[in-house]
Protein backbone atom coordinates (compact mmCIF):
# COMPACT_ATOMS: atom_id res chain seq x y z
CA UNK A 1 -47.52 130.84 -66.43
CA UNK A 2 -46.23 127.35 -65.76
CA UNK A 3 -47.62 127.48 -62.23
CA UNK A 4 -50.99 126.66 -63.87
CA UNK A 5 -49.71 123.60 -65.72
CA UNK A 6 -51.22 120.45 -64.10
CA UNK A 7 -48.91 117.99 -62.34
CA UNK A 8 -51.24 115.01 -62.52
CA UNK A 9 -51.42 113.27 -65.92
CA UNK A 10 -55.11 112.47 -65.31
CA UNK A 11 -55.87 116.18 -65.51
CA UNK A 12 -54.61 116.48 -69.09
CA UNK A 13 -55.70 113.18 -70.67
CA UNK A 14 -58.49 114.98 -72.55
CA UNK A 15 -56.52 118.13 -73.41
CA UNK A 16 -56.38 119.44 -76.97
CA UNK A 17 -53.47 121.32 -78.47
CA UNK A 18 -55.24 124.57 -77.64
CA UNK A 19 -54.70 123.74 -73.95
CA UNK A 20 -50.99 123.11 -74.42
CA UNK A 21 -50.21 125.82 -76.93
CA UNK A 22 -50.04 128.77 -74.49
CA UNK A 23 -47.24 127.00 -72.56
CA UNK A 24 -45.29 126.35 -75.75
CA UNK A 25 -45.77 129.99 -76.74
CA UNK A 26 -44.55 131.15 -73.34
CA UNK A 27 -41.34 129.13 -73.79
CA UNK A 28 -40.88 130.60 -77.28
CA UNK A 29 -41.36 134.20 -76.11
CA UNK A 30 -39.85 134.50 -72.66
CA UNK A 31 -36.22 135.69 -72.29
CA UNK A 32 -33.62 132.93 -72.77
CA UNK A 33 -30.25 133.64 -71.28
CA UNK A 34 -27.65 132.08 -69.01
CA UNK A 35 -29.49 132.98 -65.85
CA UNK A 36 -32.90 131.68 -67.02
CA UNK A 37 -32.03 128.67 -69.15
CA UNK A 38 -32.19 126.15 -66.31
CA UNK A 39 -35.79 127.07 -65.41
CA UNK A 40 -36.66 127.31 -69.13
CA UNK A 41 -35.45 123.74 -69.66
CA UNK A 42 -37.26 122.50 -66.53
CA UNK A 43 -40.56 124.00 -67.77
CA UNK A 44 -40.00 122.57 -71.24
CA UNK A 45 -39.42 119.14 -69.65
CA UNK A 46 -42.67 119.39 -67.70
CA UNK A 47 -44.61 120.21 -70.87
CA UNK A 48 -42.94 117.50 -72.88
CA UNK A 49 -43.47 114.92 -70.13
CA UNK A 50 -47.23 115.50 -70.12
CA UNK A 51 -47.39 115.17 -73.90
CA UNK A 52 -45.26 112.03 -73.91
CA UNK A 53 -47.03 110.30 -71.04
CA UNK A 54 -50.47 110.93 -72.51
CA UNK A 55 -49.27 109.46 -75.78
CA UNK A 56 -47.76 106.45 -73.99
CA UNK A 57 -50.93 105.77 -71.99
CA UNK A 58 -53.09 105.91 -75.11
CA UNK A 59 -50.64 103.69 -76.97
CA UNK A 60 -50.68 101.14 -74.17
CA UNK A 61 -54.47 101.10 -74.10
CA UNK A 62 -54.55 100.53 -77.84
CA UNK A 63 -52.01 97.73 -77.59
CA UNK A 64 -53.87 95.96 -74.79
CA UNK A 65 -56.98 95.71 -76.94
CA UNK A 66 -56.19 96.00 -80.65
CA UNK A 67 -59.81 95.16 -81.54
CA UNK A 68 -61.23 98.25 -79.78
CA UNK A 69 -61.84 100.74 -82.60
CA UNK A 70 -62.78 103.53 -80.19
CA UNK A 71 -59.45 103.29 -78.33
CA UNK A 72 -57.51 103.12 -81.58
CA UNK A 73 -59.35 106.16 -82.96
CA UNK A 74 -58.64 108.11 -79.78
CA UNK A 75 -54.95 107.33 -80.07
CA UNK A 76 -54.75 108.35 -83.74
CA UNK A 77 -56.82 111.49 -83.10
CA UNK A 78 -54.38 112.44 -80.32
CA UNK A 79 -51.45 112.05 -82.71
CA UNK A 80 -53.15 114.17 -85.37
CA UNK A 81 -54.66 116.85 -83.19
CA UNK A 82 -52.05 117.19 -80.43
CA UNK A 83 -48.74 115.55 -81.29
CA UNK A 84 -48.52 116.93 -84.82
CA UNK A 85 -48.74 120.60 -83.78
CA UNK A 86 -46.61 119.80 -80.73
CA UNK A 87 -43.82 118.42 -82.94
CA UNK A 88 -43.68 121.69 -84.85
CA UNK A 89 -43.71 123.74 -81.66
CA UNK A 90 -40.99 121.64 -80.05
CA UNK A 91 -38.87 121.97 -83.15
CA UNK A 92 -39.10 125.75 -82.79
CA UNK A 93 -37.93 125.46 -79.17
CA UNK A 94 -34.96 123.29 -80.19
CA UNK A 95 -33.98 125.83 -82.82
CA UNK A 96 -34.29 128.64 -80.31
CA UNK A 97 -32.06 126.92 -77.76
CA UNK A 98 -29.46 125.97 -80.39
CA UNK A 99 -29.45 129.49 -81.86
CA UNK A 100 -28.91 130.98 -78.37
CA UNK A 101 -25.50 129.35 -78.11
CA UNK A 102 -26.20 128.44 -74.50
CA UNK A 103 -24.63 125.17 -73.30
CA UNK A 104 -25.87 124.35 -69.79
CA UNK A 105 -23.45 122.27 -67.70
CA UNK A 106 -23.98 118.53 -68.19
CA UNK A 107 -26.19 119.12 -71.23
CA UNK A 108 -23.68 118.09 -73.90
CA UNK A 109 -25.43 114.87 -74.94
CA UNK A 110 -28.97 116.33 -75.08
CA UNK A 111 -27.62 119.25 -77.16
CA UNK A 112 -25.91 116.81 -79.52
CA UNK A 113 -29.19 114.91 -79.93
CA UNK A 114 -31.13 118.16 -80.44
CA UNK A 115 -28.78 119.27 -83.23
CA UNK A 116 -29.38 115.96 -85.01
CA UNK A 117 -33.14 116.11 -84.49
CA UNK A 118 -33.40 119.70 -85.58
CA UNK A 119 -31.36 119.00 -88.71
CA UNK A 120 -33.49 115.94 -89.60
CA UNK A 121 -36.86 117.63 -88.96
CA UNK A 122 -39.11 118.36 -91.94
CA UNK A 123 -42.55 119.82 -91.51
CA UNK A 124 -43.93 117.60 -94.28
CA UNK A 125 -42.82 114.53 -92.34
CA UNK A 126 -45.00 115.32 -89.32
CA UNK A 127 -48.24 113.89 -90.81
CA UNK A 128 -46.26 111.08 -92.43
CA UNK A 129 -45.06 110.04 -88.98
CA UNK A 130 -48.67 109.80 -87.88
CA UNK A 131 -49.50 107.73 -90.97
CA UNK A 132 -46.54 105.48 -90.13
CA UNK A 133 -48.02 104.84 -86.68
CA UNK A 134 -51.49 104.31 -88.12
CA UNK A 135 -50.19 101.63 -90.49
CA UNK A 136 -48.39 99.98 -87.59
CA UNK A 137 -51.67 99.90 -85.68
CA UNK A 138 -53.34 98.21 -88.68
CA UNK A 139 -50.70 95.47 -88.50
CA UNK A 140 -51.26 95.14 -84.76
CA UNK A 141 -54.98 94.65 -85.33
CA UNK A 142 -54.35 91.92 -87.92
CA UNK A 143 -51.92 90.06 -85.69
CA UNK A 144 -53.91 90.70 -82.51
CA UNK A 145 -56.99 89.06 -84.02
CA UNK A 146 -55.15 85.83 -84.83
CA UNK A 147 -55.77 83.00 -82.37
CA UNK A 148 -54.27 79.53 -82.27
CA UNK A 149 -55.36 76.45 -80.35
CA UNK A 150 -52.70 74.86 -78.23
CA UNK A 151 -53.49 71.92 -75.93
CA UNK A 152 -57.11 72.93 -75.57
CA UNK A 153 -56.44 76.62 -74.93
CA UNK A 154 -56.68 79.58 -77.32
CA UNK A 155 -53.64 81.85 -77.53
CA UNK A 156 -52.73 84.98 -79.40
CA UNK A 157 -49.40 84.81 -81.25
CA UNK A 158 -47.80 86.78 -78.46
CA UNK A 159 -49.25 84.38 -75.91
CA UNK A 160 -47.70 81.48 -77.78
CA UNK A 161 -44.15 82.87 -77.44
CA UNK A 162 -43.33 80.92 -74.20
CA UNK A 163 -44.26 77.69 -76.00
CA UNK A 164 -42.02 78.57 -78.99
CA UNK A 165 -39.19 79.01 -76.51
CA UNK A 166 -39.78 75.56 -74.95
CA UNK A 167 -36.60 73.49 -74.42
CA UNK A 168 -38.07 70.58 -76.40
CA UNK A 169 -37.34 70.94 -80.11
CA UNK A 170 -40.44 69.06 -81.26
CA UNK A 171 -42.66 71.30 -79.13
CA UNK A 172 -40.98 74.44 -80.47
CA UNK A 173 -41.37 73.30 -84.05
CA UNK A 174 -45.04 72.42 -83.65
CA UNK A 175 -45.79 75.80 -82.08
CA UNK A 176 -43.74 77.65 -84.71
CA UNK A 177 -45.57 75.93 -87.58
CA UNK A 178 -48.96 76.66 -86.04
CA UNK A 179 -48.06 80.30 -85.71
CA UNK A 180 -46.53 80.56 -89.19
CA UNK A 181 -49.57 78.93 -90.83
CA UNK A 182 -51.80 81.37 -89.01
CA UNK A 183 -49.80 84.40 -90.18
CA UNK A 184 -49.89 83.10 -93.77
CA UNK A 185 -53.70 83.14 -93.67
CA UNK A 186 -53.49 86.95 -93.58
CA UNK A 187 -50.53 87.14 -95.91
CA UNK A 188 -52.16 89.46 -98.45
CA UNK A 189 -53.41 91.93 -95.84
CA UNK A 190 -50.00 91.97 -94.14
CA UNK A 191 -48.17 92.44 -97.46
CA UNK A 192 -50.47 95.24 -98.49
CA UNK A 193 -49.85 96.96 -95.16
CA UNK A 194 -46.11 96.52 -95.54
CA UNK A 195 -46.08 97.97 -99.07
CA UNK A 196 -47.89 101.06 -97.79
CA UNK A 197 -45.47 101.35 -94.84
CA UNK A 198 -42.43 101.13 -97.10
CA UNK A 199 -43.82 103.88 -99.32
CA UNK A 200 -44.26 106.16 -96.32
CA UNK A 201 -40.76 105.41 -95.06
CA UNK A 202 -39.20 106.13 -98.46
CA UNK A 203 -41.06 109.45 -98.66
CA UNK A 204 -39.92 110.49 -95.15
CA UNK A 205 -36.33 109.67 -96.01
CA UNK A 206 -36.50 111.55 -99.32
CA UNK A 207 -38.05 114.60 -97.64
CA UNK A 208 -35.09 114.70 -95.24
CA UNK A 209 -32.56 114.32 -98.05
CA UNK A 210 -31.53 110.83 -97.04
CA UNK A 211 -30.71 107.99 -99.40
CA UNK A 212 -33.07 105.54 -97.73
CA UNK A 213 -35.08 104.91 -94.57
CA UNK A 214 -32.21 103.18 -92.82
CA UNK A 215 -30.07 106.28 -93.12
CA UNK A 216 -32.99 108.43 -91.97
CA UNK A 217 -33.77 106.21 -88.96
CA UNK A 218 -30.20 105.92 -87.76
């Protein structure tokens, strides 16, 4: 049925999981053997590419305007309504391929990565991963709203980076202090966000049987 899967990302930007799910089910149910694995992997890649690119485009739109609540909501809704069920479906495909014992030529590294990903996957971590991203977006909104005046022009903290990298030490220090003082104005909101993020990270690590988030992440 993959002949009906759109090629143009613009055709799927508004897709829900119900649109993607039949293709994932087809991959889960069709025969998987030495003679068919190459096409099976190619179709899986097409499906995954559409999911990933849609996510990337929505992420970029949110990053370009952190103050736009509608864009941020659309991004988070996509994670909750599409990526979360997709993660579970893709995990099932990884398990199916690994269980088949098939090792396509030149696929050693992807198989190694899949084994690690499949072993680390926990269903209860799927919504936590979305919450992790949501908290990161809260931080982005806090930082994105901060503006500093430099030589008569307003800059975001990111826009001030070239000044902080100036060859003149006095200029760098002045810019650094301006930026640091600005960040400290939102210290409590940033700290509260960080405490929530750490709690999510610890829970994700514990769910996966890891000692801490560093072990989980690496």
